[in-house]
Amino acid sequence: MFVNAILEVELIIFRILFFCLVPVGVFILVKAIRMLKGVFNGELIVEIPFTQKEVSFEITRPGIYAIWQKGKLFRRTPVDKFQLKLHQVPSGENIPLPRSVFSPHLNGFETARMEMNRFSADRGSYCLNIVEGSNVSSFEKLAASLFPAKLVDYREYFIQVRESRPVYYMIAAIPLFIVAGFCIFGGLAAGITAPDFLSCTRVLGH
């Protein structure tokens, strides 16, 4: 009788420990989603149609920002036909626009957008210009020319500046999703099968 009571207590403790992994996994999952949300859906600073060619905007918080292209789905964008130039106002200091490493993209029902460049900026006024030229490689130019789709209507093609997060946010989010899945599903499975788990450990112990 006393042994059975001890076994019941052990079972309850194990189940509590395993099921506690579920809220831990949910917490990690929410953190990972928020990290990616900051990369994909940062606050929109400014958006202009491709035909406008120039726009001035204000940055109120120092940080990482990204330039996105937005257009209709299944349309070829003119990324091989223009360059972006960014400078601070009124100093005229040029701001480097390195290419996006992972080029994250987000698709909707009718439109899609993709990150092209990232930059660091302090608080102040800036001016973005769309000029002739190209920053893409020869391979990317070839791939763009072979893309079997109509060229997007420039009136429906937009350039956006959005708040973003450092690249390591995206890198860190991937293992966090894995850990979250392990905690949620592993905790549920282990909590349900705890009696079998304890029986196996006792058999192995003997």
C-alpha atoms as a PDB file:
ATOM      1  CA  MET A   1       0.000   0.000   0.000  1.00  0.00           C
ATOM      2  CA  PHE A   2       2.778   2.363   1.015  1.00  0.00           C
ATOM      3  CA  VAL A   3       4.782   1.451  -2.129  1.00  0.00           C
ATOM      4  CA  ASN A   4       1.785   2.126  -4.353  1.00  0.00           C
ATOM      5  CA  ALA A   5       1.335   5.554  -2.761  1.00  0.00           C
ATOM      6  CA  ILE A   6       4.975   6.399  -3.462  1.00  0.00           C
ATOM      7  CA  LEU A   7       4.575   5.278  -7.074  1.00  0.00           C
ATOM      8  CA  GLU A   8       1.479   7.449  -7.455  1.00  0.00           C
ATOM      9  CA  VAL A   9       3.353  10.478  -6.090  1.00  0.00           C
ATOM     10  CA  GLU A  10       6.269   9.809  -8.452  1.00  0.00           C
ATOM     11  CA  LEU A  11       3.877   9.563 -11.372  1.00  0.00           C
ATOM     12  CA  ILE A  12       2.198  12.863 -10.462  1.00  0.00           C
ATOM     13  CA  ILE A  13       5.562  14.626 -10.086  1.00  0.00           C
ATOM     14  CA  PHE A  14       6.798  13.331 -13.433  1.00  0.00           C
ATOM     15  CA  ARG A  15       3.585  14.340 -15.178  1.00  0.00           C
ATOM     16  CA  ILE A  16       3.735  17.828 -13.681  1.00  0.00           C
ATOM     17  CA  LEU A  17       7.354  18.215 -14.809  1.00  0.00           C
ATOM     18  CA  PHE A  18       6.587  17.011 -18.331  1.00  0.00           C
ATOM     19  CA  PHE A  19       3.438  19.094 -18.728  1.00  0.00           C
ATOM     20  CA  CYS A  20       5.309  22.165 -17.448  1.00  0.00           C
ATOM     21  CA  LEU A  21       7.376  21.936 -20.636  1.00  0.00           C
ATOM     22  CA  VAL A  22       4.268  22.903 -22.633  1.00  0.00           C
ATOM     23  CA  PRO A  23       3.888  26.493 -21.298  1.00  0.00           C
ATOM     24  CA  VAL A  24       7.670  26.875 -21.518  1.00  0.00           C
ATOM     25  CA  GLY A  25       7.482  25.890 -25.191  1.00  0.00           C
ATOM     26  CA  VAL A  26       4.597  28.290 -25.797  1.00  0.00           C
ATOM     27  CA  PHE A  27       6.590  31.110 -24.190  1.00  0.00           C
ATOM     28  CA  ILE A  28       9.608  30.351 -26.413  1.00  0.00           C
ATOM     29  CA  LEU A  29       7.355  30.130 -29.482  1.00  0.00           C
ATOM     30  CA  VAL A  30       5.827  33.559 -28.776  1.00  0.00           C
ATOM     31  CA  LYS A  31       9.311  35.051 -28.366  1.00  0.00           C
ATOM     32  CA  ALA A  32      10.464  33.539 -31.673  1.00  0.00           C
ATOM     33  CA  ILE A  33       7.374  34.829 -33.495  1.00  0.00           C
ATOM     34  CA  ARG A  34       7.932  38.324 -32.104  1.00  0.00           C
ATOM     35  CA  MET A  35      11.552  38.225 -33.245  1.00  0.00           C
ATOM     36  CA  LEU A  36      10.528  37.315 -36.794  1.00  0.00           C
ATOM     37  CA  LYS A  37       7.682  39.828 -36.749  1.00  0.00           C
ATOM     38  CA  GLY A  38      10.236  42.563 -36.147  1.00  0.00           C
ATOM     39  CA  VAL A  39      12.144  41.414 -39.232  1.00  0.00           C
ATOM     40  CA  PHE A  40       9.174  40.912 -41.585  1.00  0.00           C
ATOM     41  CA  ASN A  41       6.609  43.415 -40.305  1.00  0.00           C
ATOM     42  CA  GLY A  42       8.556  46.323 -38.894  1.00  0.00           C
ATOM     43  CA  GLU A  43       6.829  49.695 -38.732  1.00  0.00           C
ATOM     44  CA  LEU A  44       6.393  51.268 -42.170  1.00  0.00           C
ATOM     45  CA  ILE A  45       8.339  54.530 -42.372  1.00  0.00           C
ATOM     46  CA  VAL A  46       7.547  55.500 -45.956  1.00  0.00           C
ATOM     47  CA  GLU A  47       6.258  53.949 -49.185  1.00  0.00           C
ATOM     48  CA  ILE A  48       6.503  55.383 -52.702  1.00  0.00           C
ATOM     49  CA  PRO A  49       5.526  54.127 -56.154  1.00  0.00           C
ATOM     50  CA  PHE A  50       8.460  53.316 -58.421  1.00  0.00           C
ATOM     51  CA  THR A  51       7.475  56.233 -60.664  1.00  0.00           C
ATOM     52  CA  GLN A  52       8.134  58.807 -57.928  1.00  0.00           C
ATOM     53  CA  LYS A  53      11.949  58.311 -57.889  1.00  0.00           C
ATOM     54  CA  GLU A  54      12.600  60.369 -54.739  1.00  0.00           C
ATOM     55  CA  VAL A  55      11.221  60.677 -51.222  1.00  0.00           C
ATOM     56  CA  SER A  56      12.237  62.362 -47.979  1.00  0.00           C
ATOM     57  CA  PHE A  57      11.421  60.852 -44.594  1.00  0.00           C
ATOM     58  CA  GLU A  58      12.170  61.174 -40.898  1.00  0.00           C
ATOM     59  CA  ILE A  59      13.718  58.576 -38.623  1.00  0.00           C
ATOM     60  CA  THR A  60      12.827  59.151 -34.993  1.00  0.00           C
ATOM     61  CA  ARG A  61      14.563  56.130 -33.437  1.00  0.00           C
ATOM     62  CA  PRO A  62      18.164  55.061 -34.118  1.00  0.00           C
ATOM     63  CA  GLY A  63      18.373  51.458 -35.258  1.00  0.00           C
ATOM     64  CA  ILE A  64      18.328  48.994 -38.133  1.00  0.00           C
ATOM     65  CA  TYR A  65      16.103  49.727 -41.124  1.00  0.00           C
ATOM     66  CA  ALA A  66      15.337  47.841 -44.323  1.00  0.00           C
ATOM     67  CA  ILE A  67      14.298  48.745 -47.851  1.00  0.00           C
ATOM     68  CA  TRP A  68      11.658  46.480 -49.364  1.00  0.00           C
ATOM     69  CA  GLN A  69      10.181  46.128 -52.820  1.00  0.00           C
ATOM     70  CA  LYS A  70       6.457  45.449 -53.104  1.00  0.00           C
ATOM     71  CA  GLY A  71       4.515  44.414 -56.195  1.00  0.00           C
ATOM     72  CA  LYS A  72       1.913  42.142 -57.706  1.00  0.00           C
ATOM     73  CA  LEU A  73       2.389  38.404 -57.398  1.00  0.00           C
ATOM     74  CA  PHE A  74       3.730  36.552 -60.453  1.00  0.00           C
ATOM     75  CA  ARG A  75       5.164  39.695 -62.032  1.00  0.00           C
ATOM     76  CA  ARG A  76       8.812  40.314 -62.868  1.00  0.00           C
ATOM     77  CA  THR A  77      10.223  43.227 -60.918  1.00  0.00           C
ATOM     78  CA  PRO A  78      12.759  45.678 -62.403  1.00  0.00           C
ATOM     79  CA  VAL A  79      15.443  45.041 -59.775  1.00  0.00           C
ATOM     80  CA  ASP A  80      18.084  44.843 -62.510  1.00  0.00           C
ATOM     81  CA  LYS A  81      17.203  48.280 -63.877  1.00  0.00           C
ATOM     82  CA  PHE A  82      17.736  50.651 -60.949  1.00  0.00           C
ATOM     83  CA  GLN A  83      19.855  51.504 -57.931  1.00  0.00           C
ATOM     84  CA  LEU A  84      18.910  53.027 -54.605  1.00  0.00           C
ATOM     85  CA  LYS A  85      20.815  55.961 -53.123  1.00  0.00           C
ATOM     86  CA  LEU A  86      20.284  57.177 -49.585  1.00  0.00           C
ATOM     87  CA  HIS A  87      21.722  60.309 -48.008  1.00  0.00           C
ATOM     88  CA  GLN A  88      21.178  62.291 -44.868  1.00  0.00           C
ATOM     89  CA  VAL A  89      19.621  65.755 -45.022  1.00  0.00           C
ATOM     90  CA  PRO A  90      20.984  68.419 -44.949  1.00  0.00           C
ATOM     91  CA  SER A  91      24.565  67.121 -44.626  1.00  0.00           C
ATOM     92  CA  GLY A  92      24.366  65.085 -47.841  1.00  0.00           C
ATOM     93  CA  GLU A  93      26.262  62.210 -46.194  1.00  0.00           C
ATOM     94  CA  ASN A  94      25.753  59.004 -48.180  1.00  0.00           C
ATOM     95  CA  ILE A  95      24.395  56.053 -46.202  1.00  0.00           C
ATOM     96  CA  PRO A  96      25.707  52.625 -47.290  1.00  0.00           C
ATOM     97  CA  LEU A  97      22.980  50.226 -48.453  1.00  0.00           C
ATOM     98  CA  PRO A  98      24.401  46.686 -48.218  1.00  0.00           C
ATOM     99  CA  ARG A  99      22.382  43.948 -49.875  1.00  0.00           C
ATOM    100  CA  SER A 100      20.125  41.872 -47.670  1.00  0.00           C
ATOM    101  CA  VAL A 101      21.829  38.592 -46.771  1.00  0.00           C
ATOM    102  CA  PHE A 102      18.744  36.371 -46.576  1.00  0.00           C
ATOM    103  CA  SER A 103      16.340  38.520 -48.667  1.00  0.00           C
ATOM    104  CA  PRO A 104      13.299  37.669 -46.534  1.00  0.00           C
ATOM    105  CA  HIS A 105      10.034  37.881 -48.417  1.00  0.00           C
ATOM    106  CA  LEU A 106       6.365  37.890 -47.496  1.00  0.00           C
ATOM    107  CA  ASN A 107       3.486  36.922 -49.804  1.00  0.00           C
ATOM    108  CA  GLY A 108      -0.118  38.028 -49.568  1.00  0.00           C
ATOM    109  CA  PHE A 109      -3.132  37.071 -51.670  1.00  0.00           C
ATOM    110  CA  GLU A 110      -2.312  39.519 -54.470  1.00  0.00           C
ATOM    111  CA  THR A 111       0.958  41.199 -53.562  1.00  0.00           C
ATOM    112  CA  ALA A 112       4.371  40.182 -52.341  1.00  0.00           C
ATOM    113  CA  ARG A 113       7.286  42.042 -50.887  1.00  0.00           C
ATOM    114  CA  MET A 114      10.961  41.251 -50.493  1.00  0.00           C
ATOM    115  CA  GLU A 115      13.738  42.902 -48.539  1.00  0.00           C
ATOM    116  CA  MET A 116      16.489  44.315 -50.756  1.00  0.00           C
ATOM    117  CA  ASN A 117      18.794  46.383 -48.529  1.00  0.00           C
ATOM    118  CA  ARG A 118      19.489  47.053 -44.874  1.00  0.00           C
ATOM    119  CA  PHE A 119      21.096  50.041 -43.205  1.00  0.00           C
ATOM    120  CA  SER A 120      21.801  51.561 -39.826  1.00  0.00           C
ATOM    121  CA  ALA A 121      20.537  55.072 -39.195  1.00  0.00           C
ATOM    122  CA  ASP A 122      20.489  57.653 -36.435  1.00  0.00           C
ATOM    123  CA  ARG A 123      17.643  60.018 -35.723  1.00  0.00           C
ATOM    124  CA  GLY A 124      17.268  62.605 -38.484  1.00  0.00           C
ATOM    125  CA  SER A 125      16.041  63.432 -41.993  1.00  0.00           C
ATOM    126  CA  TYR A 126      16.889  61.278 -45.007  1.00  0.00           C
ATOM    127  CA  CYS A 127      16.318  61.275 -48.739  1.00  0.00           C
ATOM    128  CA  LEU A 128      15.993  58.121 -50.846  1.00  0.00           C
ATOM    129  CA  ASN A 129      16.559  58.264 -54.617  1.00  0.00           C
ATOM    130  CA  ILE A 130      15.804  55.716 -57.319  1.00  0.00           C
ATOM    131  CA  VAL A 131      18.409  56.137 -60.060  1.00  0.00           C
ATOM    132  CA  GLU A 132      19.366  54.302 -63.236  1.00  0.00           C
ATOM    133  CA  GLY A 133      21.852  51.466 -62.967  1.00  0.00           C
ATOM    134  CA  SER A 134      22.015  48.089 -61.324  1.00  0.00           C
ATOM    135  CA  ASN A 135      23.473  46.523 -58.194  1.00  0.00           C
ATOM    136  CA  VAL A 136      22.573  42.935 -59.036  1.00  0.00           C
ATOM    137  CA  SER A 137      25.042  40.342 -60.265  1.00  0.00           C
ATOM    138  CA  SER A 138      25.218  39.043 -63.830  1.00  0.00           C
ATOM    139  CA  PHE A 139      23.621  35.786 -62.689  1.00  0.00           C
ATOM    140  CA  GLU A 140      20.709  37.671 -61.110  1.00  0.00           C
ATOM    141  CA  LYS A 141      20.266  39.726 -64.277  1.00  0.00           C
ATOM    142  CA  LEU A 142      20.122  36.532 -66.329  1.00  0.00           C
ATOM    143  CA  ALA A 143      17.641  34.940 -63.923  1.00  0.00           C
ATOM    144  CA  ALA A 144      15.451  38.066 -64.050  1.00  0.00           C
ATOM    145  CA  SER A 145      15.448  38.096 -67.859  1.00  0.00           C
ATOM    146  CA  LEU A 146      14.477  34.412 -67.980  1.00  0.00           C
ATOM    147  CA  PHE A 147      11.682  34.736 -65.438  1.00  0.00           C
ATOM    148  CA  PRO A 148       8.549  33.719 -67.396  1.00  0.00           C
ATOM    149  CA  ALA A 149       6.234  36.535 -66.349  1.00  0.00           C
ATOM    150  CA  LYS A 150       5.148  39.970 -67.450  1.00  0.00           C
ATOM    151  CA  LEU A 151       7.019  42.970 -66.124  1.00  0.00           C
ATOM    152  CA  VAL A 152       5.174  44.551 -63.220  1.00  0.00           C
ATOM    153  CA  ASP A 153       3.246  47.756 -63.867  1.00  0.00           C
ATOM    154  CA  TYR A 154       5.462  50.495 -62.407  1.00  0.00           C
ATOM    155  CA  ARG A 155       2.371  52.188 -60.977  1.00  0.00           C
ATOM    156  CA  GLU A 156       1.757  49.033 -58.903  1.00  0.00           C
ATOM    157  CA  TYR A 157       5.387  48.581 -57.863  1.00  0.00           C
ATOM    158  CA  PHE A 158       6.478  50.228 -54.616  1.00  0.00           C
ATOM    159  CA  ILE A 159       9.609  50.865 -52.581  1.00  0.00           C
ATOM    160  CA  GLN A 160       9.240  50.818 -48.801  1.00  0.00           C
ATOM    161  CA  VAL A 161      11.418  51.763 -45.855  1.00  0.00           C
ATOM    162  CA  ARG A 162      10.621  49.798 -42.698  1.00  0.00           C
ATOM    163  CA  GLU A 163      12.022  49.336 -39.240  1.00  0.00           C
ATOM    164  CA  SER A 164      13.859  46.055 -38.918  1.00  0.00           C
ATOM    165  CA  ARG A 165      15.972  43.962 -36.579  1.00  0.00           C
ATOM    166  CA  PRO A 166      19.560  42.653 -36.755  1.00  0.00           C
ATOM    167  CA  VAL A 167      20.155  39.599 -38.940  1.00  0.00           C
ATOM    168  CA  TYR A 168      20.904  37.421 -35.919  1.00  0.00           C
ATOM    169  CA  TYR A 169      17.236  37.702 -34.902  1.00  0.00           C
ATOM    170  CA  MET A 170      16.336  35.589 -37.920  1.00  0.00           C
ATOM    171  CA  ILE A 171      19.192  33.149 -37.305  1.00  0.00           C
ATOM    172  CA  ALA A 172      18.271  32.745 -33.628  1.00  0.00           C
ATOM    173  CA  ALA A 173      14.563  32.281 -34.359  1.00  0.00           C
ATOM    174  CA  ILE A 174      15.102  28.991 -36.226  1.00  0.00           C
ATOM    175  CA  PRO A 175      16.547  26.982 -33.288  1.00  0.00           C
ATOM    176  CA  LEU A 176      14.015  28.640 -30.974  1.00  0.00           C
ATOM    177  CA  PHE A 177      11.173  27.232 -33.105  1.00  0.00           C
ATOM    178  CA  ILE A 178      12.769  23.778 -32.850  1.00  0.00           C
ATOM    179  CA  VAL A 179      13.154  24.042 -29.070  1.00  0.00           C
ATOM    180  CA  ALA A 180       9.569  25.303 -28.735  1.00  0.00           C
ATOM    181  CA  GLY A 181       8.225  22.385 -30.772  1.00  0.00           C
ATOM    182  CA  PHE A 182      10.235  19.903 -28.716  1.00  0.00           C
ATOM    183  CA  CYS A 183       8.918  21.371 -25.437  1.00  0.00           C
ATOM    184  CA  ILE A 184       5.282  21.540 -26.547  1.00  0.00           C
ATOM    185  CA  PHE A 185       4.908  18.204 -28.313  1.00  0.00           C
ATOM    186  CA  GLY A 186       7.556  16.387 -26.301  1.00  0.00           C
ATOM    187  CA  GLY A 187       6.052  17.601 -23.022  1.00  0.00           C
ATOM    188  CA  LEU A 188       2.555  16.490 -24.037  1.00  0.00           C
ATOM    189  CA  ALA A 189       3.720  13.094 -25.268  1.00  0.00           C
ATOM    190  CA  ALA A 190       5.934  12.474 -22.225  1.00  0.00           C
ATOM    191  CA  GLY A 191       3.191  13.571 -19.809  1.00  0.00           C
ATOM    192  CA  ILE A 192       0.647  11.212 -21.373  1.00  0.00           C
ATOM    193  CA  THR A 193       3.060   8.266 -21.497  1.00  0.00           C
ATOM    194  CA  ALA A 194       4.591   8.910 -18.069  1.00  0.00           C
ATOM    195  CA  PRO A 195       3.291   5.602 -16.577  1.00  0.00           C
ATOM    196  CA  ASP A 196       4.975   3.600 -19.339  1.00  0.00           C
ATOM    197  CA  PHE A 197       8.137   5.681 -18.934  1.00  0.00           C
ATOM    198  CA  LEU A 198       8.295   4.957 -15.192  1.00  0.00           C
ATOM    199  CA  SER A 199       7.635   1.255 -15.766  1.00  0.00           C
ATOM    200  CA  CYS A 200      10.517   1.054 -18.231  1.00  0.00           C
ATOM    201  CA  THR A 201      12.914   2.822 -15.861  1.00  0.00           C
ATOM    202  CA  ARG A 202      12.016   0.463 -13.035  1.00  0.00           C
ATOM    203  CA  VAL A 203      12.515  -2.584 -15.248  1.00  0.00           C
ATOM    204  CA  LEU A 204      15.908  -1.294 -16.360  1.00  0.00           C
ATOM    205  CA  GLY A 205      16.771  -0.481 -12.741  1.00  0.00           C
ATOM    206  CA  HIS A 206      16.176  -4.076 -11.757  1.00  0.00           C
END
